[in-house]
């Protein structure tokens, strides 16, 4: 359908410019472009009518129309997708939109309607094809459609495998053989409410509500996830109570530069060092030592309430401090007791919070979280926003009675660092 739509438009409106985009150009060429070739063959399109420019990745028609083949992958060096900022299109198609960030869609949306639309009296149109995915598509398209509040500039059409008479029989057999029930619900039945992972700590709707929740203001805090030797992203969240007022990020910076930046934030908003906490593992230890703020050691012992001395059954059965704080955060989110005013990193944060899961659900013993390496593998990057959110819970428990043993353990871990790290 999408290929035929582009093909028809290129023939009907000479000189127009369109795009075909997917998260990776390699997969676009291996799937969407091959479908394009099949469509052209089916309609007996003469070979001289169009040609592929493999060097610059576009399809050029003899009548001057053109289709750019776009790689929509998120690139850390181009977080705002400025590489598309000066392009002008008549319209376009995003394939497997569940794989891309909202910003890519948002930027491309601003680039259509700019190439001969007035001359041909063509409205700016973008076609999006996808499988159900709980990301911006669910939040901005499916849920509003389901609740009958979809904005007029959008239209949602539900299509299932059986709607395609050419592939329904064989594809249906393949889908029936899928063992993963959540995946089968997504791909076979178009179920957007598929996420039934019992290990997940958070309700998806509760995650989405963070950016509309308004909580009561309180003490001011900063939570800081420090980039490890420039590989990850430094993320700072400024809080008032459990409401995030601003999010600051740096891709790369020296520790002394970060100290100056954070000091400026503290001075501007009158936040004392005692209400600043930073991840102390790795290079963050240098920041904590120099900035004289609180340090968060992920693998230190869970902080035990004073009541444990009188009632051992009340002991916190968490594998470490990070797990304990993550459960407090999850409870706050599910109760809609946390909000965030800054919308800049909504998509990344939603993606990371979806990965907040209990590890080895069936295993008895201390409760632990899905390892960070597995989260990195799932989302393709470090969950820096998640870490900066988890640390906020420390201020609710870290200075409470009975926490002495855990704080002492954190101090011991700090003193056991044998060598200084080169901070960057």
Protein backbone atom coordinates (compact mmCIF):
# COMPACT_ATOMS: atom_id res chain seq x y z
CA UNK A 1 0.00 0.00 0.00
CA UNK A 2 2.67 2.51 1.03
CA UNK A 3 4.86 1.77 -1.98
CA UNK A 4 1.89 2.14 -4.33
CA UNK A 5 0.96 5.43 -2.68
CA UNK A 6 4.45 6.85 -3.28
CA UNK A 7 4.62 5.42 -6.79
CA UNK A 8 1.27 6.93 -7.78
CA UNK A 9 2.16 10.34 -6.35
CA UNK A 10 5.50 10.43 -8.15
CA UNK A 11 3.77 9.75 -11.47
CA UNK A 12 0.84 12.10 -10.95
CA UNK A 13 2.84 15.06 -9.65
CA UNK A 14 6.13 15.52 -11.58
CA UNK A 15 8.90 17.25 -9.69
CA UNK A 16 7.59 16.42 -6.24
CA UNK A 17 9.85 15.08 -3.50
CA UNK A 18 8.99 12.33 -1.03
CA UNK A 19 10.75 10.16 1.53
CA UNK A 20 10.73 6.54 2.64
CA UNK A 21 12.25 6.14 6.11
CA UNK A 22 13.06 3.43 8.61
CA UNK A 23 15.18 3.15 11.76
CA UNK A 24 18.09 1.68 9.80
CA UNK A 25 18.80 2.22 6.11
CA UNK A 26 20.18 -1.32 5.86
CA UNK A 27 16.84 -2.82 6.92
CA UNK A 28 14.92 -0.40 4.73
CA UNK A 29 16.87 -1.63 1.71
CA UNK A 30 16.37 -5.26 2.73
CA UNK A 31 12.59 -4.93 3.23
CA UNK A 32 10.78 -1.74 2.16
CA UNK A 33 12.88 -1.19 -0.95
CA UNK A 34 12.45 -4.82 -2.03
CA UNK A 35 8.68 -4.40 -1.62
CA UNK A 36 8.93 -1.26 -3.77
CA UNK A 37 10.64 -3.28 -6.50
CA UNK A 38 7.95 -5.97 -6.33
CA UNK A 39 5.21 -3.34 -6.67
CA UNK A 40 6.91 -1.81 -9.69
CA UNK A 41 7.25 -5.23 -11.27
CA UNK A 42 3.62 -6.09 -10.55
CA UNK A 43 2.44 -2.89 -12.27
CA UNK A 44 4.90 -3.42 -15.12
CA UNK A 45 6.61 -0.08 -14.56
CA UNK A 46 9.21 0.46 -17.33
CA UNK A 47 12.77 0.24 -16.03
CA UNK A 48 13.66 3.56 -17.65
CA UNK A 49 11.01 5.41 -15.59
CA UNK A 50 13.05 5.40 -12.39
CA UNK A 51 16.49 4.51 -11.08
CA UNK A 52 18.13 4.05 -7.70
CA UNK A 53 21.04 6.28 -6.74
CA UNK A 54 22.89 3.96 -4.37
CA UNK A 55 25.54 6.50 -3.46
CA UNK A 56 23.16 9.13 -2.09
CA UNK A 57 20.22 6.82 -1.37
CA UNK A 58 17.32 8.12 -3.40
CA UNK A 59 15.00 6.97 -6.18
CA UNK A 60 14.80 9.40 -9.11
CA UNK A 61 12.02 9.42 -11.69
CA UNK A 62 12.40 10.51 -15.31
CA UNK A 63 9.73 13.18 -14.70
CA UNK A 64 11.78 14.83 -11.93
CA UNK A 65 10.01 13.29 -8.93
CA UNK A 66 12.21 11.82 -6.23
CA UNK A 67 12.01 9.60 -3.13
CA UNK A 68 14.75 9.91 -0.49
CA UNK A 69 15.62 6.75 1.46
CA UNK A 70 16.19 7.92 5.03
CA UNK A 71 18.01 6.35 7.97
CA UNK A 72 16.00 7.52 11.01
CA UNK A 73 18.22 5.99 13.68
CA UNK A 74 18.89 8.04 16.82
CA UNK A 75 22.47 9.32 16.77
CA UNK A 76 23.89 10.71 20.06
CA UNK A 77 25.82 13.39 18.15
CA UNK A 78 22.55 14.54 16.54
CA UNK A 79 19.91 14.19 19.29
CA UNK A 80 17.60 16.79 17.68
CA UNK A 81 17.78 15.22 14.18
CA UNK A 82 19.19 18.43 12.75
CA UNK A 83 20.36 16.44 9.72
CA UNK A 84 16.75 16.66 8.48
CA UNK A 85 16.23 20.29 9.44
CA UNK A 86 16.80 21.86 6.01
CA UNK A 87 15.09 19.21 3.87
CA UNK A 88 11.88 19.97 1.99
CA UNK A 89 9.36 17.27 1.08
CA UNK A 90 5.93 16.99 -0.45
CA UNK A 91 5.14 14.08 1.88
CA UNK A 92 6.55 10.76 3.01
CA UNK A 93 6.29 7.35 4.63
CA UNK A 94 7.76 6.02 7.88
CA UNK A 95 7.91 2.22 8.00
CA UNK A 96 7.96 0.34 11.34
CA UNK A 97 7.49 3.60 13.22
CA UNK A 98 7.58 1.75 16.54
CA UNK A 99 11.35 1.51 16.13
CA UNK A 100 12.02 5.25 15.92
CA UNK A 101 12.06 8.11 18.43
CA UNK A 102 9.28 10.65 18.55
CA UNK A 103 11.73 13.45 17.67
CA UNK A 104 12.44 11.87 14.26
CA UNK A 105 8.71 11.85 13.47
CA UNK A 106 8.25 15.36 14.86
CA UNK A 107 11.06 16.83 12.75
CA UNK A 108 9.95 15.09 9.54
CA UNK A 109 6.40 16.27 10.20
CA UNK A 110 7.71 19.81 10.00
CA UNK A 111 9.49 19.15 6.69
CA UNK A 112 6.50 18.01 4.59
CA UNK A 113 4.22 20.33 2.64
CA UNK A 114 7.23 22.27 1.32
CA UNK A 115 7.81 20.91 -2.21
CA UNK A 116 5.26 21.96 -4.85
CA UNK A 117 2.28 21.34 -2.55
CA UNK A 118 0.73 24.69 -3.39
CA UNK A 119 1.29 24.23 -7.12
CA UNK A 120 -0.58 20.90 -7.11
CA UNK A 121 -2.97 21.85 -4.29
CA UNK A 122 -1.69 18.88 -2.27
CA UNK A 123 -2.13 18.72 1.52
CA UNK A 124 0.96 17.74 3.48
CA UNK A 125 0.62 14.02 4.27
CA UNK A 126 2.75 11.49 6.07
CA UNK A 127 1.91 7.78 6.13
CA UNK A 128 3.04 5.83 9.19
CA UNK A 129 2.97 2.03 9.29
CA UNK A 130 3.74 0.06 12.45
CA UNK A 131 2.99 -2.84 14.73
CA UNK A 132 1.54 -2.07 18.18
CA UNK A 133 4.25 -0.60 20.40
CA UNK A 134 3.97 1.09 23.76
CA UNK A 135 5.93 4.21 22.95
CA UNK A 136 4.92 7.60 21.52
CA UNK A 137 2.57 5.85 19.07
CA UNK A 138 0.53 4.45 21.94
CA UNK A 139 0.62 7.69 23.90
CA UNK A 140 -0.05 10.15 21.07
CA UNK A 141 -2.09 8.12 18.57
CA UNK A 142 -3.62 4.85 19.77
CA UNK A 143 -4.81 5.86 23.24
CA UNK A 144 -6.35 9.16 22.05
CA UNK A 145 -8.05 7.24 19.20
CA UNK A 146 -9.39 4.64 21.62
CA UNK A 147 -10.70 7.39 23.92
CA UNK A 148 -12.26 9.27 20.97
CA UNK A 149 -10.03 12.32 21.38
CA UNK A 150 -7.59 11.89 18.49
CA UNK A 151 -6.67 15.33 17.05
CA UNK A 152 -8.27 16.11 13.69
CA UNK A 153 -4.94 16.22 11.89
CA UNK A 154 -4.43 12.50 12.62
CA UNK A 155 -6.26 9.41 11.38
CA UNK A 156 -5.78 5.89 12.73
CA UNK A 157 -6.63 2.78 10.70
CA UNK A 158 -6.38 -0.62 12.38
CA UNK A 159 -5.23 -3.32 9.92
CA UNK A 160 -4.66 -6.99 10.74
CA UNK A 161 -2.78 -9.73 8.88
CA UNK A 162 -6.00 -11.17 7.45
CA UNK A 163 -6.80 -7.87 5.70
CA UNK A 164 -4.12 -8.69 3.11
CA UNK A 165 -5.63 -11.44 0.89
CA UNK A 166 -2.27 -12.10 -0.76
CA UNK A 167 -0.43 -13.12 2.42
CA UNK A 168 -3.13 -13.85 5.02
CA UNK A 169 -3.07 -17.65 4.84
CA UNK A 170 0.67 -18.31 5.06
CA UNK A 171 1.42 -15.37 7.35
CA UNK A 172 -1.41 -16.42 9.64
CA UNK A 173 0.14 -19.88 9.99
CA UNK A 174 3.48 -18.31 10.93
CA UNK A 175 1.87 -16.04 13.51
CA UNK A 176 0.02 -18.95 15.10
CA UNK A 177 3.34 -20.66 15.79
CA UNK A 178 4.71 -17.77 17.89
CA UNK A 179 5.22 -19.04 21.44
CA UNK A 180 5.56 -15.63 23.11
CA UNK A 181 1.95 -14.74 23.89
CA UNK A 182 2.57 -10.99 24.19
CA UNK A 183 4.26 -10.93 20.78
CA UNK A 184 1.45 -13.00 19.25
CA UNK A 185 -1.12 -10.57 20.64
CA UNK A 186 0.77 -7.68 19.08
CA UNK A 187 1.48 -9.09 15.65
CA UNK A 188 -1.52 -11.33 15.08
CA UNK A 189 -4.35 -9.53 16.82
CA UNK A 190 -3.10 -5.93 16.82
CA UNK A 191 -3.32 -5.73 20.61
CA UNK A 192 -1.81 -2.47 21.95
CA UNK A 193 -2.38 -3.53 25.58
CA UNK A 194 -0.11 -6.53 25.17
CA UNK A 195 2.38 -5.86 27.96
CA UNK A 196 1.59 -8.47 30.59
CA UNK A 197 5.13 -9.02 31.86
CA UNK A 198 4.71 -10.09 35.50
CA UNK A 199 8.23 -8.92 36.31
CA UNK A 200 7.49 -5.29 35.32
CA UNK A 201 7.26 -2.97 38.33
CA UNK A 202 5.35 -0.21 36.54
CA UNK A 203 2.01 0.21 34.82
CA UNK A 204 2.52 1.75 31.38
CA UNK A 205 -0.28 4.30 31.80
CA UNK A 206 1.22 5.35 35.13
CA UNK A 207 4.55 5.99 33.38
CA UNK A 208 2.86 8.15 30.74
CA UNK A 209 0.99 10.12 33.41
CA UNK A 210 4.25 11.37 34.92
CA UNK A 211 4.30 14.28 32.44
CA UNK A 212 0.78 15.43 33.35
CA UNK A 213 0.92 14.79 37.11
CA UNK A 214 1.29 17.79 39.41
CA UNK A 215 2.51 16.98 42.91
CA UNK A 216 2.92 19.13 45.98
CA UNK A 217 6.18 21.09 46.07
CA UNK A 218 8.62 20.39 48.85
CA UNK A 219 12.34 20.37 49.56
CA UNK A 220 14.63 21.02 46.61
CA UNK A 221 16.97 18.24 45.45
CA UNK A 222 19.39 17.38 42.66
CA UNK A 223 20.01 13.80 41.53
CA UNK A 224 22.99 13.23 39.28
CA UNK A 225 23.93 10.21 37.17
CA UNK A 226 27.53 10.92 36.16
CA UNK A 227 28.74 9.73 32.75
CA UNK A 228 31.35 7.01 32.96
CA UNK A 229 34.47 8.17 31.13
CA UNK A 230 32.34 9.88 28.49
CA UNK A 231 30.66 6.66 27.34
CA UNK A 232 27.21 7.43 28.74
CA UNK A 233 25.31 10.66 29.32
CA UNK A 234 25.41 12.75 32.48
CA UNK A 235 21.83 13.39 33.58
CA UNK A 236 20.82 15.86 36.30
CA UNK A 237 17.27 16.21 37.58
CA UNK A 238 16.16 19.19 39.65
CA UNK A 239 13.34 18.35 42.04
CA UNK A 240 10.91 20.15 44.29
CA UNK A 241 9.44 17.43 46.43
CA UNK A 242 8.65 14.64 43.96
CA UNK A 243 8.11 17.01 41.05
CA UNK A 244 10.92 17.24 38.48
CA UNK A 245 11.26 20.88 37.45
CA UNK A 246 14.12 20.57 34.96
CA UNK A 247 16.32 17.93 33.34
CA UNK A 248 19.88 18.75 32.28
CA UNK A 249 22.09 16.48 30.18
CA UNK A 250 25.69 16.51 28.95
CA UNK A 251 27.06 13.98 26.47
CA UNK A 252 30.67 14.49 27.49
CA UNK A 253 32.39 16.71 30.03
CA UNK A 254 35.23 16.79 32.52
CA UNK A 255 34.41 16.36 36.21
CA UNK A 256 35.60 19.87 37.05
CA UNK A 257 33.35 21.29 34.30
CA UNK A 258 30.41 19.29 35.64
CA UNK A 259 31.10 20.61 39.14
CA UNK A 260 30.90 24.19 37.90
CA UNK A 261 27.67 23.51 36.00
CA UNK A 262 26.03 21.82 39.00
CA UNK A 263 27.26 24.55 41.37
CA UNK A 264 25.54 27.15 39.17
CA UNK A 265 22.28 25.20 39.33
CA UNK A 266 22.55 24.90 43.12
CA UNK A 267 23.28 28.60 43.55
CA UNK A 268 20.49 29.68 41.22
CA UNK A 269 17.86 27.52 42.92
CA UNK A 270 19.29 27.62 46.47
CA UNK A 271 19.89 23.89 46.80
CA UNK A 272 22.32 22.91 49.62
CA UNK A 273 24.95 20.24 49.04
CA UNK A 274 23.21 18.02 51.61
CA UNK A 275 20.28 17.80 49.17
CA UNK A 276 22.42 16.79 46.18
CA UNK A 277 23.15 13.13 45.46
CA UNK A 278 25.30 11.60 42.73
CA UNK A 279 25.99 8.06 41.58
CA UNK A 280 29.23 7.22 43.39
CA UNK A 281 30.11 4.10 41.39
CA UNK A 282 32.91 4.56 38.85
CA UNK A 283 33.89 8.10 37.96
CA UNK A 284 31.02 9.52 40.00
CA UNK A 285 33.12 8.91 43.10
CA UNK A 286 35.43 11.75 42.09
CA UNK A 287 32.50 14.12 41.70
CA UNK A 288 31.11 13.17 45.14
CA UNK A 289 34.49 13.62 46.81
CA UNK A 290 35.12 17.01 45.24
CA UNK A 291 31.59 18.44 45.37
CA UNK A 292 30.99 17.28 48.97
CA UNK A 293 27.49 15.99 48.23
CA UNK A 294 25.77 12.73 49.09
CA UNK A 295 27.01 9.59 47.35
CA UNK A 296 24.80 6.78 46.03
CA UNK A 297 26.47 3.36 45.90
CA UNK A 298 24.17 1.09 43.92
CA UNK A 299 25.34 -2.23 45.36
CA UNK A 300 25.50 -1.17 49.02
CA UNK A 301 23.11 -2.78 51.51
CA UNK A 302 19.46 -1.79 51.66
CA UNK A 303 18.79 0.73 54.44
CA UNK A 304 16.98 -0.89 57.34
CA UNK A 305 14.37 0.99 59.40
CA UNK A 306 14.93 1.28 63.16
CA UNK A 307 11.96 -1.01 63.80
CA UNK A 308 14.05 -3.99 62.60
CA UNK A 309 15.86 -3.99 65.96
CA UNK A 310 12.52 -4.74 67.63
CA UNK A 311 10.92 -6.80 64.86
CA UNK A 312 13.37 -8.75 62.62
CA UNK A 313 10.48 -9.71 60.31
CA UNK A 314 10.34 -6.09 59.09
CA UNK A 315 13.80 -6.35 57.53
CA UNK A 316 14.03 -4.98 53.98
CA UNK A 317 14.65 -8.01 51.75
CA UNK A 318 16.32 -6.15 48.86
CA UNK A 319 19.57 -7.27 47.26
CA UNK A 320 20.98 -3.74 47.43
CA UNK A 321 20.22 -0.06 47.89
CA UNK A 322 19.39 0.53 44.23
CA UNK A 323 16.70 -2.16 44.28
CA UNK A 324 15.20 -0.72 47.46
CA UNK A 325 15.05 2.78 45.98
CA UNK A 326 13.69 1.47 42.67
CA UNK A 327 10.74 -0.14 44.48
CA UNK A 328 9.99 3.13 46.28
CA UNK A 329 10.14 4.98 42.96
CA UNK A 330 7.84 2.40 41.31
CA UNK A 331 5.30 2.76 44.10
CA UNK A 332 5.35 6.54 43.72
CA UNK A 333 4.85 6.30 39.96
CA UNK A 334 2.01 3.78 40.16
CA UNK A 335 0.28 5.99 42.76
CA UNK A 336 0.71 9.06 40.49
CA UNK A 337 2.76 10.75 43.20
CA UNK A 338 5.60 11.84 40.92
CA UNK A 339 5.50 14.42 38.13
CA UNK A 340 7.88 15.93 35.60
CA UNK A 341 7.41 19.38 34.04
CA UNK A 342 10.25 19.03 31.53
CA UNK A 343 9.00 17.27 28.38
CA UNK A 344 12.40 17.20 26.61
CA UNK A 345 13.33 13.61 27.46
CA UNK A 346 9.89 12.03 27.77
CA UNK A 347 10.41 9.29 25.16
CA UNK A 348 13.82 8.19 26.43
CA UNK A 349 12.58 8.14 30.02
CA UNK A 350 9.45 6.14 29.18
CA UNK A 351 11.58 3.60 27.33
CA UNK A 352 13.89 3.21 30.32
CA UNK A 353 11.12 3.00 32.92
CA UNK A 354 9.54 0.17 30.91
CA UNK A 355 12.69 -1.83 31.68
CA UNK A 356 12.33 -1.46 35.44
CA UNK A 357 11.70 -5.12 36.20
CA UNK A 358 12.41 -7.65 38.88
CA UNK A 359 15.15 -10.11 38.00
CA UNK A 360 14.55 -13.86 38.29
CA UNK A 361 10.94 -13.58 39.40
CA UNK A 362 10.68 -17.25 40.20
CA UNK A 363 13.79 -17.30 42.38
CA UNK A 364 13.40 -17.09 46.15
CA UNK A 365 15.66 -14.95 48.29
CA UNK A 366 16.55 -11.30 48.08
CA UNK A 367 14.72 -9.15 45.56
CA UNK A 368 16.88 -7.79 42.74
CA UNK A 369 16.43 -5.78 39.55
CA UNK A 370 17.05 -6.71 35.94
CA UNK A 371 20.82 -6.13 35.46
CA UNK A 372 21.88 -2.89 33.80
CA UNK A 373 23.67 -4.76 31.01
CA UNK A 374 20.40 -6.43 30.02
CA UNK A 375 18.63 -3.06 29.98
CA UNK A 376 21.40 -1.65 27.78
CA UNK A 377 20.96 -4.56 25.40
CA UNK A 378 17.17 -4.05 25.31
CA UNK A 379 17.23 -0.31 24.56
CA UNK A 380 20.63 0.05 22.90
CA UNK A 381 22.05 2.57 25.39
CA UNK A 382 22.63 3.21 29.07
CA UNK A 383 19.51 3.94 31.20
CA UNK A 384 20.86 7.22 32.57
CA UNK A 385 17.44 8.84 33.08
CA UNK A 386 16.23 5.82 35.04
CA UNK A 387 19.21 6.01 37.37
CA UNK A 388 18.68 9.72 38.08
CA UNK A 389 15.06 8.98 39.01
CA UNK A 390 15.87 6.03 41.27
CA UNK A 391 18.31 8.09 43.36
CA UNK A 392 15.56 10.51 44.42
CA UNK A 393 14.12 7.82 46.72
CA UNK A 394 17.28 7.92 48.85
CA UNK A 395 16.19 11.18 50.41
CA UNK A 396 13.03 9.49 51.68
CA UNK A 397 14.94 6.69 53.40
CA UNK A 398 18.64 7.61 53.53
CA UNK A 399 18.44 9.86 56.56
CA UNK A 400 15.82 7.88 58.44
CA UNK A 401 16.50 6.07 61.67
CA UNK A 402 18.09 2.67 61.35
CA UNK A 403 20.01 3.52 58.19
CA UNK A 404 23.38 3.69 59.93
CA UNK A 405 24.60 0.24 58.87
CA UNK A 406 23.84 0.89 55.20
CA UNK A 407 25.50 4.31 55.25
CA UNK A 408 28.55 2.79 56.95
CA UNK A 409 28.72 0.16 54.21
CA UNK A 410 28.64 2.91 51.60
CA UNK A 411 31.52 4.63 53.37
CA UNK A 412 33.51 1.39 53.44
CA UNK A 413 32.99 0.90 49.70
CA UNK A 414 34.19 4.45 49.15
CA UNK A 415 37.36 3.85 51.17
CA UNK A 416 38.05 0.58 49.36
CA UNK A 417 38.60 2.29 46.02
CA UNK A 418 42.20 1.33 45.37
CA UNK A 419 43.04 3.63 42.50
CA UNK A 420 41.88 6.99 41.31
CA UNK A 421 40.01 7.04 38.00
CA UNK A 422 40.84 9.49 35.25
CA UNK A 423 37.66 11.51 35.08
CA UNK A 424 36.20 12.78 31.87
